[in-house]
Amino acid sequence: MKKMVLTAAVAMMMAGCAQQGFTVHSGNAVKPTKEVTHHFFISGLGQSKTIDAAAVCNGADKVVRVEAQHTFLNGLLGAVTFGVYTPREARVYCAG
């Protein structure tokens, strides 16, 4: 019984996390300039959210990287609400 619970716990922690990153220009940005949580409902069906990275970085040439992430906490909130509420994180990294 203990082994089955441990296996289920490990499977839950490994499942549901995803991160997509897009490098726009070369550069070294360690800390995100802007980090936003987008709130979706019913698993985000037919919904979209946008961030104007060029406006955040004061010019498209200063955008280094853009990321979207579905964290463990986001997955947990989605599971607890049965997919009614499904948040997602977005980050914009700007050059110096």
PDB file of N, CA and C in Angstrom:
ATOM      1  N   MET A   1       0.832  -1.199   0.000  1.00  0.00           N
ATOM      2  CA  MET A   1       0.000   0.000   0.000  1.00  0.00           C
ATOM      3  C   MET A   1       0.876   1.263   0.000  1.00  0.00           C
ATOM      4  N   LYS A   2       1.913   1.229   0.826  1.00  0.00           N
ATOM      5  CA  LYS A   2       2.805   2.383   0.929  1.00  0.00           C
ATOM      6  C   LYS A   2       3.511   2.655  -0.404  1.00  0.00           C
ATOM      7  N   LYS A   3       3.902   1.583  -1.083  1.00  0.00           N
ATOM      8  CA  LYS A   3       4.591   1.722  -2.366  1.00  0.00           C
ATOM      9  C   LYS A   3       3.659   2.319  -3.421  1.00  0.00           C
ATOM     10  N   MET A   4       2.386   1.933  -3.394  1.00  0.00           N
ATOM     11  CA  MET A   4       1.422   2.451  -4.364  1.00  0.00           C
ATOM     12  C   MET A   4       1.164   3.939  -4.130  1.00  0.00           C
ATOM     13  N   VAL A   5       1.075   4.356  -2.888  1.00  0.00           N
ATOM     14  CA  VAL A   5       0.865   5.769  -2.562  1.00  0.00           C
ATOM     15  C   VAL A   5       2.077   6.591  -2.993  1.00  0.00           C
ATOM     16  N   LEU A   6       3.270   6.083  -2.756  1.00  0.00           N
ATOM     17  CA  LEU A   6       4.484   6.781  -3.162  1.00  0.00           C
ATOM     18  C   LEU A   6       4.561   6.905  -4.685  1.00  0.00           C
ATOM     19  N   THR A   7       4.226   5.836  -5.383  1.00  0.00           N
ATOM     20  CA  THR A   7       4.233   5.864  -6.850  1.00  0.00           C
ATOM     21  C   THR A   7       3.220   6.868  -7.378  1.00  0.00           C
ATOM     22  N   ALA A   8       2.032   6.904  -6.795  1.00  0.00           N
ATOM     23  CA  ALA A   8       1.001   7.860  -7.217  1.00  0.00           C
ATOM     24  C   ALA A   8       1.440   9.295  -6.936  1.00  0.00           C
ATOM     25  N   ALA A   9       2.078   9.524  -5.801  1.00  0.00           N
ATOM     26  CA  ALA A   9       2.542  10.874  -5.458  1.00  0.00           C
ATOM     27  C   ALA A   9       3.622  11.343  -6.428  1.00  0.00           C
ATOM     28  N   VAL A  10       4.554  10.474  -6.770  1.00  0.00           N
ATOM     29  CA  VAL A  10       5.610  10.834  -7.722  1.00  0.00           C
ATOM     30  C   VAL A  10       5.016  11.097  -9.102  1.00  0.00           C
ATOM     31  N   ALA A  11       4.065  10.285  -9.516  1.00  0.00           N
ATOM     32  CA  ALA A  11       3.422  10.479 -10.823  1.00  0.00           C
ATOM     33  C   ALA A  11       2.678  11.805 -10.878  1.00  0.00           C
ATOM     34  N   MET A  12       2.014  12.177  -9.794  1.00  0.00           N
ATOM     35  CA  MET A  12       1.293  13.455  -9.760  1.00  0.00           C
ATOM     36  C   MET A  12       2.256  14.632  -9.827  1.00  0.00           C
ATOM     37  N   MET A  13       3.393  14.523  -9.153  1.00  0.00           N
ATOM     38  CA  MET A  13       4.344  15.630  -9.154  1.00  0.00           C
ATOM     39  C   MET A  13       5.036  15.785 -10.504  1.00  0.00           C
ATOM     40  N   MET A  14       5.160  14.717 -11.256  1.00  0.00           N
ATOM     41  CA  MET A  14       5.828  14.784 -12.554  1.00  0.00           C
ATOM     42  C   MET A  14       4.880  15.186 -13.681  1.00  0.00           C
ATOM     43  N   ALA A  15       3.613  14.987 -13.489  1.00  0.00           N
ATOM     44  CA  ALA A  15       2.640  15.232 -14.559  1.00  0.00           C
ATOM     45  C   ALA A  15       2.106  16.658 -14.503  1.00  0.00           C
ATOM     46  N   GLY A  16       1.776  17.187 -15.665  1.00  0.00           N
ATOM     47  CA  GLY A  16       1.070  18.456 -15.729  1.00  0.00           C
ATOM     48  C   GLY A  16       1.928  19.703 -15.758  1.00  0.00           C
ATOM     49  N   CYS A  17       3.226  19.601 -15.664  1.00  0.00           N
ATOM     50  CA  CYS A  17       4.075  20.789 -15.706  1.00  0.00           C
ATOM     51  C   CYS A  17       4.654  20.941 -17.111  1.00  0.00           C
ATOM     52  N   ALA A  18       4.609  22.152 -17.617  1.00  0.00           N
ATOM     53  CA  ALA A  18       5.146  22.399 -18.958  1.00  0.00           C
ATOM     54  C   ALA A  18       5.661  23.822 -19.038  1.00  0.00           C
ATOM     55  N   GLN A  19       6.676  24.026 -19.862  1.00  0.00           N
ATOM     56  CA  GLN A  19       7.225  25.365 -20.062  1.00  0.00           C
ATOM     57  C   GLN A  19       7.633  25.515 -21.521  1.00  0.00           C
ATOM     58  N   GLN A  20       7.193  26.605 -22.131  1.00  0.00           N
ATOM     59  CA  GLN A  20       7.588  26.942 -23.494  1.00  0.00           C
ATOM     60  C   GLN A  20       8.349  28.252 -23.443  1.00  0.00           C
ATOM     61  N   GLY A  21       9.497  28.283 -24.087  1.00  0.00           N
ATOM     62  CA  GLY A  21      10.309  29.493 -24.118  1.00  0.00           C
ATOM     63  C   GLY A  21      10.714  29.827 -25.537  1.00  0.00           C
ATOM     64  N   PHE A  22      10.735  31.107 -25.845  1.00  0.00           N
ATOM     65  CA  PHE A  22      11.095  31.577 -27.174  1.00  0.00           C
ATOM     66  C   PHE A  22      12.181  32.641 -27.038  1.00  0.00           C
ATOM     67  N   THR A  23      13.351  32.364 -27.578  1.00  0.00           N
ATOM     68  CA  THR A  23      14.439  33.329 -27.568  1.00  0.00           C
ATOM     69  C   THR A  23      14.314  34.200 -28.811  1.00  0.00           C
ATOM     70  N   VAL A  24      14.114  35.492 -28.607  1.00  0.00           N
ATOM     71  CA  VAL A  24      13.882  36.422 -29.707  1.00  0.00           C
ATOM     72  C   VAL A  24      15.196  37.034 -30.176  1.00  0.00           C
ATOM     73  N   HIS A  25      15.985  37.547 -29.249  1.00  0.00           N
ATOM     74  CA  HIS A  25      17.293  38.125 -29.561  1.00  0.00           C
ATOM     75  C   HIS A  25      18.314  37.540 -28.599  1.00  0.00           C
ATOM     76  N   SER A  26      19.557  37.504 -29.028  1.00  0.00           N
ATOM     77  CA  SER A  26      20.598  37.008 -28.133  1.00  0.00           C
ATOM     78  C   SER A  26      20.842  38.037 -27.033  1.00  0.00           C
ATOM     79  N   GLY A  27      21.122  37.543 -25.890  1.00  0.00           N
ATOM     80  CA  GLY A  27      21.362  38.410 -24.745  1.00  0.00           C
ATOM     81  C   GLY A  27      21.308  37.587 -23.478  1.00  0.00           C
ATOM     82  N   ASN A  28      21.624  38.214 -22.375  1.00  0.00           N
ATOM     83  CA  ASN A  28      21.649  37.518 -21.108  1.00  0.00           C
ATOM     84  C   ASN A  28      20.718  38.225 -20.137  1.00  0.00           C
ATOM     85  N   ALA A  29      19.504  37.744 -20.027  1.00  0.00           N
ATOM     86  CA  ALA A  29      18.540  38.289 -19.075  1.00  0.00           C
ATOM     87  C   ALA A  29      18.228  37.196 -18.063  1.00  0.00           C
ATOM     88  N   VAL A  30      18.644  37.397 -16.830  1.00  0.00           N
ATOM     89  CA  VAL A  30      18.478  36.385 -15.796  1.00  0.00           C
ATOM     90  C   VAL A  30      17.121  36.515 -15.114  1.00  0.00           C
ATOM     91  N   LYS A  31      16.721  37.729 -14.844  1.00  0.00           N
ATOM     92  CA  LYS A  31      15.494  37.992 -14.095  1.00  0.00           C
ATOM     93  C   LYS A  31      14.414  38.511 -15.050  1.00  0.00           C
ATOM     94  N   PRO A  32      13.173  38.001 -14.932  1.00  0.00           N
ATOM     95  CA  PRO A  32      12.120  38.500 -15.821  1.00  0.00           C
ATOM     96  C   PRO A  32      11.779  39.959 -15.533  1.00  0.00           C
ATOM     97  N   THR A  33      11.561  40.723 -16.593  1.00  0.00           N
ATOM     98  CA  THR A  33      11.157  42.116 -16.452  1.00  0.00           C
ATOM     99  C   THR A  33       9.704  42.199 -16.036  1.00  0.00           C
ATOM    100  N   LYS A  34       8.887  41.301 -16.575  1.00  0.00           N
ATOM    101  CA  LYS A  34       7.467  41.269 -16.225  1.00  0.00           C
ATOM    102  C   LYS A  34       7.028  39.822 -16.091  1.00  0.00           C
ATOM    103  N   GLU A  35       6.292  39.529 -15.023  1.00  0.00           N
ATOM    104  CA  GLU A  35       5.752  38.196 -14.783  1.00  0.00           C
ATOM    105  C   GLU A  35       4.262  38.342 -14.496  1.00  0.00           C
ATOM    106  N   VAL A  36       3.451  37.622 -15.261  1.00  0.00           N
ATOM    107  CA  VAL A  36       1.999  37.767 -15.176  1.00  0.00           C
ATOM    108  C   VAL A  36       1.360  36.392 -15.030  1.00  0.00           C
ATOM    109  N   THR A  37       0.317  36.305 -14.209  1.00  0.00           N
ATOM    110  CA  THR A  37      -0.499  35.099 -14.133  1.00  0.00           C
ATOM    111  C   THR A  37      -1.762  35.338 -14.938  1.00  0.00           C
ATOM    112  N   HIS A  38      -1.968  34.504 -15.940  1.00  0.00           N
ATOM    113  CA  HIS A  38      -3.189  34.593 -16.741  1.00  0.00           C
ATOM    114  C   HIS A  38      -4.216  33.634 -16.167  1.00  0.00           C
ATOM    115  N   HIS A  39      -5.434  34.103 -16.037  1.00  0.00           N
ATOM    116  CA  HIS A  39      -6.507  33.310 -15.451  1.00  0.00           C
ATOM    117  C   HIS A  39      -7.419  32.792 -16.558  1.00  0.00           C
ATOM    118  N   PHE A  40      -7.497  31.465 -16.674  1.00  0.00           N
ATOM    119  CA  PHE A  40      -8.361  30.829 -17.664  1.00  0.00           C
ATOM    120  C   PHE A  40      -9.448  30.034 -16.951  1.00  0.00           C
ATOM    121  N   PHE A  41     -10.550  29.850 -17.621  1.00  0.00           N
ATOM    122  CA  PHE A  41     -11.655  29.075 -17.075  1.00  0.00           C
ATOM    123  C   PHE A  41     -12.040  27.976 -18.054  1.00  0.00           C
ATOM    124  N   ILE A  42     -12.517  26.871 -17.529  1.00  0.00           N
ATOM    125  CA  ILE A  42     -12.889  25.680 -18.296  1.00  0.00           C
ATOM    126  C   ILE A  42     -11.708  25.257 -19.178  1.00  0.00           C
ATOM    127  N   SER A  43     -10.570  25.079 -18.542  1.00  0.00           N
ATOM    128  CA  SER A  43      -9.320  24.654 -19.183  1.00  0.00           C
ATOM    129  C   SER A  43      -8.865  25.569 -20.309  1.00  0.00           C
ATOM    130  N   GLY A  44      -9.302  26.810 -20.304  1.00  0.00           N
ATOM    131  CA  GLY A  44      -8.878  27.773 -21.315  1.00  0.00           C
ATOM    132  C   GLY A  44      -9.525  27.569 -22.669  1.00  0.00           C
ATOM    133  N   LEU A  45     -10.617  26.833 -22.714  1.00  0.00           N
ATOM    134  CA  LEU A  45     -11.294  26.515 -23.971  1.00  0.00           C
ATOM    135  C   LEU A  45     -11.763  27.784 -24.672  1.00  0.00           C
ATOM    136  N   GLY A  46     -11.242  28.035 -25.858  1.00  0.00           N
ATOM    137  CA  GLY A  46     -11.633  29.197 -26.655  1.00  0.00           C
ATOM    138  C   GLY A  46     -11.161  30.528 -26.092  1.00  0.00           C
ATOM    139  N   GLN A  47     -10.165  30.517 -25.219  1.00  0.00           N
ATOM    140  CA  GLN A  47      -9.682  31.742 -24.596  1.00  0.00           C
ATOM    141  C   GLN A  47      -8.217  31.961 -24.958  1.00  0.00           C
ATOM    142  N   SER A  48      -7.817  33.204 -25.026  1.00  0.00           N
ATOM    143  CA  SER A  48      -6.405  33.515 -25.252  1.00  0.00           C
ATOM    144  C   SER A  48      -6.062  34.803 -24.518  1.00  0.00           C
ATOM    145  N   LYS A  49      -4.839  34.892 -24.093  1.00  0.00           N
ATOM    146  CA  LYS A  49      -4.327  36.086 -23.414  1.00  0.00           C
ATOM    147  C   LYS A  49      -3.026  36.471 -24.096  1.00  0.00           C
ATOM    148  N   THR A  50      -2.740  37.765 -24.167  1.00  0.00           N
ATOM    149  CA  THR A  50      -1.516  38.218 -24.821  1.00  0.00           C
ATOM    150  C   THR A  50      -0.757  39.196 -23.931  1.00  0.00           C
ATOM    151  N   ILE A  51       0.537  39.261 -24.168  1.00  0.00           N
ATOM    152  CA  ILE A  51       1.408  40.259 -23.545  1.00  0.00           C
ATOM    153  C   ILE A  51       2.174  40.918 -24.685  1.00  0.00           C
ATOM    154  N   ASP A  52       2.191  42.226 -24.718  1.00  0.00           N
ATOM    155  CA  ASP A  52       2.950  42.953 -25.732  1.00  0.00           C
ATOM    156  C   ASP A  52       4.383  43.099 -25.221  1.00  0.00           C
ATOM    157  N   ALA A  53       5.235  42.154 -25.602  1.00  0.00           N
ATOM    158  CA  ALA A  53       6.616  42.137 -25.117  1.00  0.00           C
ATOM    159  C   ALA A  53       7.389  43.371 -25.562  1.00  0.00           C
ATOM    160  N   ALA A  54       7.107  43.880 -26.751  1.00  0.00           N
ATOM    161  CA  ALA A  54       7.798  45.078 -27.241  1.00  0.00           C
ATOM    162  C   ALA A  54       7.461  46.284 -26.374  1.00  0.00           C
ATOM    163  N   ALA A  55       6.215  46.389 -25.927  1.00  0.00           N
ATOM    164  CA  ALA A  55       5.819  47.497 -25.056  1.00  0.00           C
ATOM    165  C   ALA A  55       6.455  47.359 -23.670  1.00  0.00           C
ATOM    166  N   VAL A  56       6.553  46.131 -23.177  1.00  0.00           N
ATOM    167  CA  VAL A  56       7.167  45.894 -21.867  1.00  0.00           C
ATOM    168  C   VAL A  56       8.642  46.285 -21.885  1.00  0.00           C
ATOM    169  N   CYS A  57       9.338  45.954 -22.976  1.00  0.00           N
ATOM    170  CA  CYS A  57      10.783  46.199 -23.072  1.00  0.00           C
ATOM    171  C   CYS A  57      11.133  47.521 -23.749  1.00  0.00           C
ATOM    172  N   ASN A  58      10.138  48.342 -24.065  1.00  0.00           N
ATOM    173  CA  ASN A  58      10.363  49.619 -24.757  1.00  0.00           C
ATOM    174  C   ASN A  58      11.054  49.427 -26.107  1.00  0.00           C
ATOM    175  N   GLY A  59      10.577  48.480 -26.875  1.00  0.00           N
ATOM    176  CA  GLY A  59      11.117  48.231 -28.215  1.00  0.00           C
ATOM    177  C   GLY A  59      11.310  46.750 -28.474  1.00  0.00           C
ATOM    178  N   ALA A  60      10.952  46.314 -29.669  1.00  0.00           N
ATOM    179  CA  ALA A  60      11.062  44.895 -30.018  1.00  0.00           C
ATOM    180  C   ALA A  60      12.511  44.421 -30.041  1.00  0.00           C
ATOM    181  N   ASP A  61      13.448  45.326 -30.297  1.00  0.00           N
ATOM    182  CA  ASP A  61      14.859  44.943 -30.347  1.00  0.00           C
ATOM    183  C   ASP A  61      15.440  44.647 -28.967  1.00  0.00           C
ATOM    184  N   LYS A  62      14.725  45.012 -27.899  1.00  0.00           N
ATOM    185  CA  LYS A  62      15.208  44.776 -26.535  1.00  0.00           C
ATOM    186  C   LYS A  62      14.622  43.512 -25.906  1.00  0.00           C
ATOM    187  N   VAL A  63      13.717  42.832 -26.610  1.00  0.00           N
ATOM    188  CA  VAL A  63      13.123  41.595 -26.091  1.00  0.00           C
ATOM    189  C   VAL A  63      14.135  40.469 -26.256  1.00  0.00           C
ATOM    190  N   VAL A  64      14.502  39.814 -25.152  1.00  0.00           N
ATOM    191  CA  VAL A  64      15.461  38.715 -25.192  1.00  0.00           C
ATOM    192  C   VAL A  64      14.734  37.377 -25.226  1.00  0.00           C
ATOM    193  N   ARG A  65      13.759  37.195 -24.344  1.00  0.00           N
ATOM    194  CA  ARG A  65      13.093  35.892 -24.218  1.00  0.00           C
ATOM    195  C   ARG A  65      11.672  36.078 -23.707  1.00  0.00           C
ATOM    196  N   VAL A  66      10.786  35.180 -24.154  1.00  0.00           N
ATOM    197  CA  VAL A  66       9.398  35.142 -23.692  1.00  0.00           C
ATOM    198  C   VAL A  66       9.107  33.702 -23.277  1.00  0.00           C
ATOM    199  N   GLU A  67       8.478  33.525 -22.119  1.00  0.00           N
ATOM    200  CA  GLU A  67       8.173  32.186 -21.611  1.00  0.00           C
ATOM    201  C   GLU A  67       6.717  32.092 -21.184  1.00  0.00           C
ATOM    202  N   ALA A  68       6.168  30.900 -21.337  1.00  0.00           N
ATOM    203  CA  ALA A  68       4.852  30.565 -20.791  1.00  0.00           C
ATOM    204  C   ALA A  68       5.026  29.265 -20.017  1.00  0.00           C
ATOM    205  N   GLN A  69       4.454  29.194 -18.820  1.00  0.00           N
ATOM    206  CA  GLN A  69       4.673  28.024 -17.977  1.00  0.00           C
ATOM    207  C   GLN A  69       3.394  27.610 -17.270  1.00  0.00           C
ATOM    208  N   HIS A  70       3.209  26.300 -17.220  1.00  0.00           N
ATOM    209  CA  HIS A  70       2.124  25.688 -16.456  1.00  0.00           C
ATOM    210  C   HIS A  70       2.807  24.965 -15.297  1.00  0.00           C
ATOM    211  N   THR A  71       2.747  25.542 -14.101  1.00  0.00           N
ATOM    212  CA  THR A  71       3.475  25.015 -12.945  1.00  0.00           C
ATOM    213  C   THR A  71       2.677  23.931 -12.234  1.00  0.00           C
ATOM    214  N   PHE A  72       3.325  23.293 -11.267  1.00  0.00           N
ATOM    215  CA  PHE A  72       2.646  22.282 -10.458  1.00  0.00           C
ATOM    216  C   PHE A  72       1.463  22.893  -9.726  1.00  0.00           C
ATOM    217  N   LEU A  73       1.649  24.098  -9.178  1.00  0.00           N
ATOM    218  CA  LEU A  73       0.563  24.767  -8.465  1.00  0.00           C
ATOM    219  C   LEU A  73      -0.606  25.070  -9.401  1.00  0.00           C
ATOM    220  N   ASN A  74      -0.299  25.489 -10.642  1.00  0.00           N
ATOM    221  CA  ASN A  74      -1.359  25.726 -11.621  1.00  0.00           C
ATOM    222  C   ASN A  74      -2.130  24.438 -11.889  1.00  0.00           C
ATOM    223  N   GLY A  75      -1.408  23.334 -12.039  1.00  0.00           N
ATOM    224  CA  GLY A  75      -2.047  22.039 -12.268  1.00  0.00           C
ATOM    225  C   GLY A  75      -2.867  21.596 -11.075  1.00  0.00           C
ATOM    226  N   LEU A  76      -2.364  21.863  -9.874  1.00  0.00           N
ATOM    227  CA  LEU A  76      -3.100  21.506  -8.662  1.00  0.00           C
ATOM    228  C   LEU A  76      -4.398  22.297  -8.563  1.00  0.00           C
ATOM    229  N   LEU A  77      -4.337  23.598  -8.851  1.00  0.00           N
ATOM    230  CA  LEU A  77      -5.552  24.418  -8.838  1.00  0.00           C
ATOM    231  C   LEU A  77      -6.553  23.933  -9.882  1.00  0.00           C
ATOM    232  N   GLY A  78      -6.058  23.539 -11.051  1.00  0.00           N
ATOM    233  CA  GLY A  78      -6.936  22.996 -12.081  1.00  0.00           C
ATOM    234  C   GLY A  78      -7.569  21.685 -11.654  1.00  0.00           C
ATOM    235  N   ALA A  79      -6.799  20.836 -10.974  1.00  0.00           N
ATOM    236  CA  ALA A  79      -7.327  19.549 -10.518  1.00  0.00           C
ATOM    237  C   ALA A  79      -8.355  19.731  -9.405  1.00  0.00           C
ATOM    238  N   VAL A  80      -8.066  20.630  -8.473  1.00  0.00           N
ATOM    239  CA  VAL A  80      -8.987  20.862  -7.349  1.00  0.00           C
ATOM    240  C   VAL A  80     -10.320  21.429  -7.835  1.00  0.00           C
ATOM    241  N   THR A  81     -10.272  22.278  -8.867  1.00  0.00           N
ATOM    242  CA  THR A  81     -11.504  22.889  -9.392  1.00  0.00           C
ATOM    243  C   THR A  81     -12.074  22.111 -10.575  1.00  0.00           C
ATOM    244  N   PHE A  82     -11.537  20.911 -10.831  1.00  0.00           N
ATOM    245  CA  PHE A  82     -11.988  20.054 -11.940  1.00  0.00           C
ATOM    246  C   PHE A  82     -11.915  20.770 -13.281  1.00  0.00           C
ATOM    247  N   GLY A  83     -10.884  21.587 -13.484  1.00  0.00           N
ATOM    248  CA  GLY A  83     -10.670  22.268 -14.754  1.00  0.00           C
ATOM    249  C   GLY A  83     -11.456  23.545 -14.937  1.00  0.00           C
ATOM    250  N   VAL A  84     -12.219  23.949 -13.932  1.00  0.00           N
ATOM    251  CA  VAL A  84     -12.988  25.191 -14.047  1.00  0.00           C
ATOM    252  C   VAL A  84     -12.042  26.391 -14.042  1.00  0.00           C
ATOM    253  N   TYR A  85     -11.034  26.370 -13.183  1.00  0.00           N
ATOM    254  CA  TYR A  85     -10.046  27.453 -13.108  1.00  0.00           C
ATOM    255  C   TYR A  85      -8.676  26.872 -13.432  1.00  0.00           C
ATOM    256  N   THR A  86      -8.034  27.373 -14.482  1.00  0.00           N
ATOM    257  CA  THR A  86      -6.729  26.851 -14.899  1.00  0.00           C
ATOM    258  C   THR A  86      -5.768  28.005 -15.205  1.00  0.00           C
ATOM    259  N   PRO A  87      -5.023  28.475 -14.209  1.00  0.00           N
ATOM    260  CA  PRO A  87      -4.093  29.589 -14.431  1.00  0.00           C
ATOM    261  C   PRO A  87      -2.845  29.149 -15.185  1.00  0.00           C
ATOM    262  N   ARG A  88      -2.122  30.122 -15.705  1.00  0.00           N
ATOM    263  CA  ARG A  88      -0.872  29.888 -16.437  1.00  0.00           C
ATOM    264  C   ARG A  88       0.023  31.109 -16.256  1.00  0.00           C
ATOM    265  N   GLU A  89       1.325  30.881 -16.112  1.00  0.00           N
ATOM    266  CA  GLU A  89       2.290  31.959 -15.894  1.00  0.00           C
ATOM    267  C   GLU A  89       2.913  32.392 -17.224  1.00  0.00           C
ATOM    268  N   ALA A  90       3.218  33.683 -17.345  1.00  0.00           N
ATOM    269  CA  ALA A  90       3.913  34.211 -18.526  1.00  0.00           C
ATOM    270  C   ALA A  90       4.994  35.177 -18.055  1.00  0.00           C
ATOM    271  N   ARG A  91       6.156  35.132 -18.724  1.00  0.00           N
ATOM    272  CA  ARG A  91       7.281  35.989 -18.355  1.00  0.00           C
ATOM    273  C   ARG A  91       7.901  36.612 -19.599  1.00  0.00           C
ATOM    274  N   VAL A  92       8.361  37.862 -19.444  1.00  0.00           N
ATOM    275  CA  VAL A  92       9.071  38.568 -20.512  1.00  0.00           C
ATOM    276  C   VAL A  92      10.427  38.991 -19.957  1.00  0.00           C
ATOM    277  N   TYR A  93      11.491  38.663 -20.683  1.00  0.00           N
ATOM    278  CA  TYR A  93      12.854  39.036 -20.304  1.00  0.00           C
ATOM    279  C   TYR A  93      13.357  40.094 -21.284  1.00  0.00           C
ATOM    280  N   CYS A  94      13.860  41.197 -20.757  1.00  0.00           N
ATOM    281  CA  CYS A  94      14.357  42.298 -21.596  1.00  0.00           C
ATOM    282  C   CYS A  94      15.871  42.444 -21.449  1.00  0.00           C
ATOM    283  N   ALA A  95      16.495  42.994 -22.467  1.00  0.00           N
ATOM    284  CA  ALA A  95      17.935  43.266 -22.427  1.00  0.00           C
ATOM    285  C   ALA A  95      18.195  44.481 -21.547  1.00  0.00           C
ATOM    286  N   GLY A  96      19.271  44.387 -20.759  1.00  0.00           N
ATOM    287  CA  GLY A  96      19.782  45.418 -19.887  1.00  0.00           C
ATOM    288  C   GLY A  96      18.974  46.613 -19.791  1.00  0.00           C
TER     289      GLY A  96
END
